[in-house]
Amino acid sequence: MFNIIILCLIGLISGLLMGLTGILPLGFFIILFKFLDVGDYKTILGTVLYVLLFPLTFGSIWEFYKAKKINFFVGNILLITMVIGSYIGSKLVLDEHFQITEKTIKYITAVMTFIFSIVFFITAYNLHP
């Protein structure tokens, strides 16, 4: 049950960030999935591809599906919660009361991608050959 709550939070936060910045924080998925024991790294990648725009990633999804490297349970929870989060994020960006500027959106995007790049660099460096 705890993992489902965490997955819902991941989906909502990712959707919110996607609605705010216009980009999907893939690093957020991959980093947090490591803590939830979703599967090996290839299963994590397959699940992330499944959650992405399905028609655009169909070829990749098909290959990961054949290799049994997609966690559909996790993917479906993320799909639903990301739709909700992206709706909220886009409402915040477009709401005149919040007045989120282009500069603020770019700062959010820069910080988000910087943190993810550092985490990926550290985890890649720590992998054993």
N, C-alpha and C. Protein backbone atom coordinates (compact mmCIF):
# COMPACT_ATOMS: atom_id res chain seq x y z
N MET A 1 0.83 -1.20 0.00
CA MET A 1 0.00 0.00 0.00
C MET A 1 0.87 1.26 0.00
N PHE A 2 1.97 1.21 0.79
CA PHE A 2 2.88 2.35 0.86
C PHE A 2 3.46 2.67 -0.52
N ASN A 3 3.85 1.61 -1.27
CA ASN A 3 4.41 1.81 -2.60
C ASN A 3 3.40 2.46 -3.55
N ILE A 4 2.12 2.10 -3.42
CA ILE A 4 1.10 2.70 -4.28
C ILE A 4 0.96 4.19 -3.98
N ILE A 5 1.01 4.54 -2.71
CA ILE A 5 0.93 5.96 -2.33
C ILE A 5 2.14 6.71 -2.88
N ILE A 6 3.32 6.12 -2.75
CA ILE A 6 4.54 6.74 -3.28
C ILE A 6 4.43 6.89 -4.80
N LEU A 7 3.93 5.86 -5.49
CA LEU A 7 3.77 5.94 -6.94
C LEU A 7 2.81 7.06 -7.33
N CYS A 8 1.73 7.19 -6.57
CA CYS A 8 0.77 8.27 -6.85
C CYS A 8 1.43 9.63 -6.67
N LEU A 9 2.23 9.78 -5.63
CA LEU A 9 2.94 11.04 -5.41
C LEU A 9 3.95 11.31 -6.52
N ILE A 10 4.67 10.27 -6.95
CA ILE A 10 5.62 10.42 -8.06
C ILE A 10 4.88 10.90 -9.30
N GLY A 11 3.76 10.26 -9.61
CA GLY A 11 2.98 10.64 -10.78
C GLY A 11 2.46 12.06 -10.70
N LEU A 12 1.93 12.44 -9.54
CA LEU A 12 1.40 13.79 -9.37
C LEU A 12 2.50 14.85 -9.49
N ILE A 13 3.63 14.61 -8.82
CA ILE A 13 4.73 15.58 -8.87
C ILE A 13 5.30 15.66 -10.28
N SER A 14 5.48 14.51 -10.93
CA SER A 14 6.00 14.51 -12.30
C SER A 14 5.05 15.23 -13.24
N GLY A 15 3.77 14.95 -13.11
CA GLY A 15 2.78 15.63 -13.94
C GLY A 15 2.76 17.12 -13.68
N LEU A 16 2.86 17.49 -12.42
CA LEU A 16 2.89 18.91 -12.05
C LEU A 16 4.10 19.59 -12.69
N LEU A 17 5.27 18.97 -12.57
CA LEU A 17 6.47 19.55 -13.17
C LEU A 17 6.36 19.60 -14.69
N MET A 18 5.74 18.57 -15.27
CA MET A 18 5.55 18.55 -16.72
C MET A 18 4.60 19.67 -17.13
N GLY A 19 3.54 19.88 -16.38
CA GLY A 19 2.61 20.96 -16.69
C GLY A 19 3.23 22.33 -16.51
N LEU A 20 4.16 22.46 -15.55
CA LEU A 20 4.82 23.74 -15.30
C LEU A 20 5.91 24.04 -16.33
N THR A 21 6.69 23.02 -16.69
CA THR A 21 7.88 23.26 -17.51
C THR A 21 7.73 22.82 -18.95
N GLY A 22 6.80 21.94 -19.23
CA GLY A 22 6.63 21.44 -20.59
C GLY A 22 7.52 20.26 -20.91
N ILE A 23 8.31 19.81 -19.93
CA ILE A 23 9.14 18.63 -20.16
C ILE A 23 8.85 17.59 -19.08
N LEU A 24 9.02 16.35 -19.44
CA LEU A 24 8.77 15.26 -18.50
C LEU A 24 10.03 14.99 -17.70
N PRO A 25 9.96 15.04 -16.38
CA PRO A 25 11.15 14.79 -15.55
C PRO A 25 11.45 13.30 -15.45
N LEU A 26 12.01 12.74 -16.50
CA LEU A 26 12.31 11.31 -16.53
C LEU A 26 13.25 10.89 -15.41
N GLY A 27 14.18 11.76 -15.10
CA GLY A 27 15.12 11.44 -14.03
C GLY A 27 14.42 11.19 -12.72
N PHE A 28 13.34 11.91 -12.48
CA PHE A 28 12.56 11.75 -11.26
C PHE A 28 12.03 10.32 -11.15
N PHE A 29 11.48 9.82 -12.26
CA PHE A 29 11.00 8.44 -12.28
C PHE A 29 12.11 7.47 -11.96
N ILE A 30 13.17 7.57 -12.73
CA ILE A 30 14.23 6.58 -12.64
C ILE A 30 14.89 6.59 -11.27
N ILE A 31 15.12 7.76 -10.72
CA ILE A 31 15.74 7.85 -9.39
C ILE A 31 14.83 7.24 -8.33
N LEU A 32 13.57 7.61 -8.33
CA LEU A 32 12.67 7.11 -7.29
C LEU A 32 12.31 5.64 -7.47
N PHE A 33 12.27 5.17 -8.71
CA PHE A 33 11.98 3.75 -8.93
C PHE A 33 13.03 2.86 -8.29
N LYS A 34 14.24 3.33 -8.20
CA LYS A 34 15.30 2.54 -7.59
C LYS A 34 14.98 2.25 -6.12
N PHE A 35 14.25 3.14 -5.48
CA PHE A 35 13.90 2.97 -4.08
C PHE A 35 12.65 2.11 -3.89
N LEU A 36 11.87 1.90 -4.96
CA LEU A 36 10.61 1.16 -4.85
C LEU A 36 10.73 -0.29 -5.31
N ASP A 37 11.88 -0.70 -5.77
CA ASP A 37 12.10 -2.06 -6.25
C ASP A 37 11.10 -2.43 -7.34
N VAL A 38 11.04 -1.59 -8.37
CA VAL A 38 10.16 -1.81 -9.51
C VAL A 38 10.71 -2.91 -10.41
N GLY A 39 11.99 -3.07 -10.40
CA GLY A 39 12.66 -4.07 -11.21
C GLY A 39 14.05 -3.61 -11.56
N ASP A 40 14.69 -4.32 -12.47
CA ASP A 40 16.03 -3.91 -12.88
C ASP A 40 15.95 -2.64 -13.72
N TYR A 41 17.11 -2.10 -14.07
CA TYR A 41 17.15 -0.82 -14.76
C TYR A 41 16.42 -0.87 -16.10
N LYS A 42 16.51 -1.99 -16.80
CA LYS A 42 15.84 -2.11 -18.09
C LYS A 42 14.32 -2.13 -17.92
N THR A 43 13.83 -2.72 -16.84
CA THR A 43 12.39 -2.70 -16.55
C THR A 43 11.95 -1.28 -16.22
N ILE A 44 12.80 -0.56 -15.50
CA ILE A 44 12.50 0.84 -15.19
C ILE A 44 12.39 1.64 -16.49
N LEU A 45 13.35 1.45 -17.40
CA LEU A 45 13.31 2.17 -18.67
C LEU A 45 12.08 1.79 -19.48
N GLY A 46 11.75 0.50 -19.52
CA GLY A 46 10.56 0.07 -20.25
C GLY A 46 9.29 0.68 -19.69
N THR A 47 9.21 0.75 -18.37
CA THR A 47 8.03 1.33 -17.72
C THR A 47 7.94 2.82 -18.02
N VAL A 48 9.08 3.53 -17.99
CA VAL A 48 9.09 4.95 -18.30
C VAL A 48 8.66 5.17 -19.74
N LEU A 49 9.15 4.35 -20.67
CA LEU A 49 8.74 4.47 -22.07
C LEU A 49 7.24 4.23 -22.22
N TYR A 50 6.71 3.28 -21.45
CA TYR A 50 5.27 2.99 -21.49
C TYR A 50 4.46 4.21 -21.05
N VAL A 51 4.97 4.90 -20.03
CA VAL A 51 4.24 6.06 -19.49
C VAL A 51 4.32 7.24 -20.45
N LEU A 52 5.40 7.34 -21.22
CA LEU A 52 5.52 8.43 -22.17
C LEU A 52 4.43 8.34 -23.21
N LEU A 53 4.45 9.24 -24.11
CA LEU A 53 3.44 9.28 -25.17
C LEU A 53 3.45 7.97 -25.93
N PHE A 54 2.52 7.10 -25.62
CA PHE A 54 2.50 5.74 -26.15
C PHE A 54 2.63 5.68 -27.67
N PRO A 55 1.89 6.46 -28.43
CA PRO A 55 2.03 6.33 -29.90
C PRO A 55 3.44 6.67 -30.38
N LEU A 56 4.10 7.60 -29.72
CA LEU A 56 5.44 8.01 -30.16
C LEU A 56 6.52 7.01 -29.76
N THR A 57 6.27 6.24 -28.73
CA THR A 57 7.28 5.29 -28.25
C THR A 57 6.89 3.85 -28.53
N PHE A 58 5.93 3.63 -29.43
CA PHE A 58 5.41 2.29 -29.66
C PHE A 58 6.50 1.28 -30.02
N GLY A 59 7.42 1.67 -30.89
CA GLY A 59 8.49 0.74 -31.29
C GLY A 59 9.32 0.31 -30.10
N SER A 60 9.70 1.25 -29.26
CA SER A 60 10.48 0.92 -28.07
C SER A 60 9.66 0.08 -27.10
N ILE A 61 8.41 0.46 -26.91
CA ILE A 61 7.55 -0.28 -25.99
C ILE A 61 7.40 -1.72 -26.45
N TRP A 62 7.24 -1.92 -27.75
CA TRP A 62 7.08 -3.28 -28.27
C TRP A 62 8.30 -4.14 -27.94
N GLU A 63 9.50 -3.60 -28.09
CA GLU A 63 10.72 -4.35 -27.80
C GLU A 63 10.84 -4.64 -26.30
N PHE A 64 10.55 -3.66 -25.46
CA PHE A 64 10.60 -3.88 -24.02
C PHE A 64 9.51 -4.86 -23.58
N TYR A 65 8.35 -4.80 -24.21
CA TYR A 65 7.26 -5.72 -23.91
C TYR A 65 7.68 -7.16 -24.23
N LYS A 66 8.26 -7.36 -25.40
CA LYS A 66 8.70 -8.71 -25.78
C LYS A 66 9.74 -9.25 -24.80
N ALA A 67 10.57 -8.37 -24.26
CA ALA A 67 11.60 -8.79 -23.30
C ALA A 67 11.05 -8.84 -21.87
N LYS A 68 9.72 -8.62 -21.71
CA LYS A 68 9.08 -8.60 -20.39
C LYS A 68 9.75 -7.60 -19.45
N LYS A 69 9.98 -6.40 -19.96
CA LYS A 69 10.67 -5.36 -19.20
C LYS A 69 9.79 -4.13 -19.01
N ILE A 70 8.49 -4.34 -18.82
CA ILE A 70 7.58 -3.25 -18.50
C ILE A 70 6.74 -3.66 -17.30
N ASN A 71 6.67 -2.80 -16.32
CA ASN A 71 5.82 -3.02 -15.16
C ASN A 71 4.52 -2.24 -15.41
N PHE A 72 3.51 -2.93 -15.93
CA PHE A 72 2.27 -2.27 -16.31
C PHE A 72 1.49 -1.74 -15.10
N PHE A 73 1.57 -2.41 -13.98
CA PHE A 73 0.87 -1.94 -12.78
C PHE A 73 1.39 -0.55 -12.39
N VAL A 74 2.71 -0.43 -12.30
CA VAL A 74 3.32 0.85 -11.95
C VAL A 74 3.03 1.88 -13.05
N GLY A 75 3.17 1.47 -14.30
CA GLY A 75 2.93 2.38 -15.42
C GLY A 75 1.53 2.94 -15.45
N ASN A 76 0.53 2.11 -15.18
CA ASN A 76 -0.86 2.58 -15.20
C ASN A 76 -1.15 3.55 -14.06
N ILE A 77 -0.59 3.28 -12.88
CA ILE A 77 -0.76 4.23 -11.77
C ILE A 77 -0.15 5.58 -12.14
N LEU A 78 1.07 5.53 -12.72
CA LEU A 78 1.73 6.78 -13.11
C LEU A 78 0.96 7.51 -14.20
N LEU A 79 0.43 6.78 -15.16
CA LEU A 79 -0.33 7.42 -16.23
C LEU A 79 -1.50 8.23 -15.67
N ILE A 80 -2.26 7.63 -14.78
CA ILE A 80 -3.43 8.29 -14.22
C ILE A 80 -3.03 9.51 -13.38
N THR A 81 -2.05 9.32 -12.50
CA THR A 81 -1.68 10.42 -11.61
C THR A 81 -0.95 11.53 -12.37
N MET A 82 -0.21 11.18 -13.43
CA MET A 82 0.46 12.22 -14.21
C MET A 82 -0.54 13.08 -14.98
N VAL A 83 -1.61 12.49 -15.44
CA VAL A 83 -2.63 13.28 -16.12
C VAL A 83 -3.20 14.32 -15.15
N ILE A 84 -3.46 13.89 -13.93
CA ILE A 84 -3.98 14.80 -12.91
C ILE A 84 -2.95 15.88 -12.59
N GLY A 85 -1.70 15.47 -12.36
CA GLY A 85 -0.64 16.42 -12.04
C GLY A 85 -0.37 17.41 -13.15
N SER A 86 -0.37 16.93 -14.40
CA SER A 86 -0.10 17.85 -15.52
C SER A 86 -1.24 18.85 -15.69
N TYR A 87 -2.44 18.41 -15.40
CA TYR A 87 -3.59 19.33 -15.45
C TYR A 87 -3.41 20.44 -14.41
N ILE A 88 -3.04 20.06 -13.20
CA ILE A 88 -2.83 21.04 -12.13
C ILE A 88 -1.68 21.98 -12.48
N GLY A 89 -0.57 21.42 -12.98
CA GLY A 89 0.58 22.24 -13.34
C GLY A 89 0.26 23.24 -14.43
N SER A 90 -0.47 22.80 -15.44
CA SER A 90 -0.82 23.73 -16.52
C SER A 90 -1.79 24.80 -16.04
N LYS A 91 -2.69 24.43 -15.14
CA LYS A 91 -3.61 25.43 -14.57
C LYS A 91 -2.83 26.49 -13.79
N LEU A 92 -1.78 26.05 -13.05
CA LEU A 92 -0.97 27.00 -12.30
C LEU A 92 -0.23 27.97 -13.23
N VAL A 93 0.33 27.44 -14.31
CA VAL A 93 1.06 28.28 -15.25
C VAL A 93 0.14 29.29 -15.92
N LEU A 94 -1.06 28.87 -16.25
CA LEU A 94 -1.97 29.73 -16.99
C LEU A 94 -2.84 30.62 -16.11
N ASP A 95 -2.87 30.35 -14.80
CA ASP A 95 -3.69 31.13 -13.88
C ASP A 95 -3.11 32.52 -13.69
N GLU A 96 -3.93 33.53 -13.88
CA GLU A 96 -3.48 34.91 -13.78
C GLU A 96 -3.12 35.30 -12.35
N HIS A 97 -3.68 34.62 -11.34
CA HIS A 97 -3.40 34.96 -9.96
C HIS A 97 -1.98 34.56 -9.55
N PHE A 98 -1.48 33.45 -10.08
CA PHE A 98 -0.14 32.99 -9.71
C PHE A 98 0.95 33.77 -10.43
N GLN A 99 0.68 34.25 -11.62
CA GLN A 99 1.61 35.05 -12.41
C GLN A 99 3.01 34.42 -12.47
N ILE A 100 3.07 33.17 -12.89
CA ILE A 100 4.35 32.50 -13.06
C ILE A 100 4.98 33.00 -14.35
N THR A 101 6.15 33.59 -14.23
CA THR A 101 6.80 34.20 -15.39
C THR A 101 7.61 33.16 -16.17
N GLU A 102 7.98 33.53 -17.38
CA GLU A 102 8.84 32.68 -18.20
C GLU A 102 10.18 32.44 -17.49
N LYS A 103 10.67 33.47 -16.82
CA LYS A 103 11.94 33.35 -16.09
C LYS A 103 11.84 32.30 -14.98
N THR A 104 10.74 32.31 -14.25
CA THR A 104 10.54 31.32 -13.18
C THR A 104 10.45 29.92 -13.75
N ILE A 105 9.73 29.76 -14.84
CA ILE A 105 9.61 28.44 -15.48
C ILE A 105 10.98 27.94 -15.91
N LYS A 106 11.79 28.83 -16.47
CA LYS A 106 13.13 28.43 -16.92
C LYS A 106 14.02 28.09 -15.73
N TYR A 107 13.89 28.81 -14.63
CA TYR A 107 14.65 28.45 -13.42
C TYR A 107 14.25 27.08 -12.89
N ILE A 108 12.96 26.81 -12.84
CA ILE A 108 12.47 25.51 -12.38
C ILE A 108 13.03 24.40 -13.27
N THR A 109 12.98 24.60 -14.58
CA THR A 109 13.49 23.62 -15.52
C THR A 109 14.99 23.43 -15.35
N ALA A 110 15.72 24.52 -15.20
CA ALA A 110 17.18 24.43 -15.05
C ALA A 110 17.57 23.68 -13.77
N VAL A 111 16.93 24.00 -12.67
CA VAL A 111 17.24 23.33 -11.41
C VAL A 111 16.89 21.85 -11.50
N MET A 112 15.73 21.55 -12.06
CA MET A 112 15.29 20.16 -12.19
C MET A 112 16.28 19.35 -13.02
N THR A 113 16.65 19.85 -14.18
CA THR A 113 17.56 19.10 -15.04
C THR A 113 18.97 19.05 -14.47
N PHE A 114 19.40 20.08 -13.78
CA PHE A 114 20.73 20.08 -13.16
C PHE A 114 20.81 19.00 -12.08
N ILE A 115 19.81 18.94 -11.22
CA ILE A 115 19.80 17.93 -10.15
C ILE A 115 19.80 16.53 -10.75
N PHE A 116 18.97 16.30 -11.76
CA PHE A 116 18.92 14.97 -12.38
C PHE A 116 20.24 14.61 -13.04
N SER A 117 20.88 15.57 -13.67
CA SER A 117 22.15 15.26 -14.34
C SER A 117 23.23 14.92 -13.32
N ILE A 118 23.27 15.61 -12.21
CA ILE A 118 24.24 15.30 -11.15
C ILE A 118 23.98 13.90 -10.60
N VAL A 119 22.73 13.59 -10.31
CA VAL A 119 22.40 12.26 -9.77
C VAL A 119 22.77 11.16 -10.76
N PHE A 120 22.46 11.36 -12.05
CA PHE A 120 22.82 10.35 -13.05
C PHE A 120 24.33 10.20 -13.17
N PHE A 121 25.06 11.31 -13.11
CA PHE A 121 26.51 11.24 -13.18
C PHE A 121 27.06 10.44 -12.01
N ILE A 122 26.58 10.73 -10.80
CA ILE A 122 27.06 10.02 -9.61
C ILE A 122 26.72 8.54 -9.69
N THR A 123 25.50 8.21 -10.07
CA THR A 123 25.13 6.79 -10.12
C THR A 123 25.88 6.06 -11.23
N ALA A 124 26.15 6.72 -12.34
CA ALA A 124 26.94 6.09 -13.41
C ALA A 124 28.38 5.88 -12.95
N TYR A 125 28.92 6.85 -12.26
CA TYR A 125 30.30 6.76 -11.78
C TYR A 125 30.44 5.61 -10.77
N ASN A 126 29.42 5.39 -9.97
CA ASN A 126 29.47 4.36 -8.93
C ASN A 126 29.17 2.96 -9.43
N LEU A 127 28.75 2.82 -10.70
CA LEU A 127 28.50 1.49 -11.24
C LEU A 127 29.81 0.75 -11.42
N HIS A 128 29.79 -0.53 -11.13
CA HIS A 128 30.98 -1.34 -11.32
C HIS A 128 31.01 -1.84 -12.76
N PRO A 129 32.20 -1.79 -13.40
CA PRO A 129 32.28 -2.17 -14.82
C PRO A 129 31.89 -3.59 -15.10
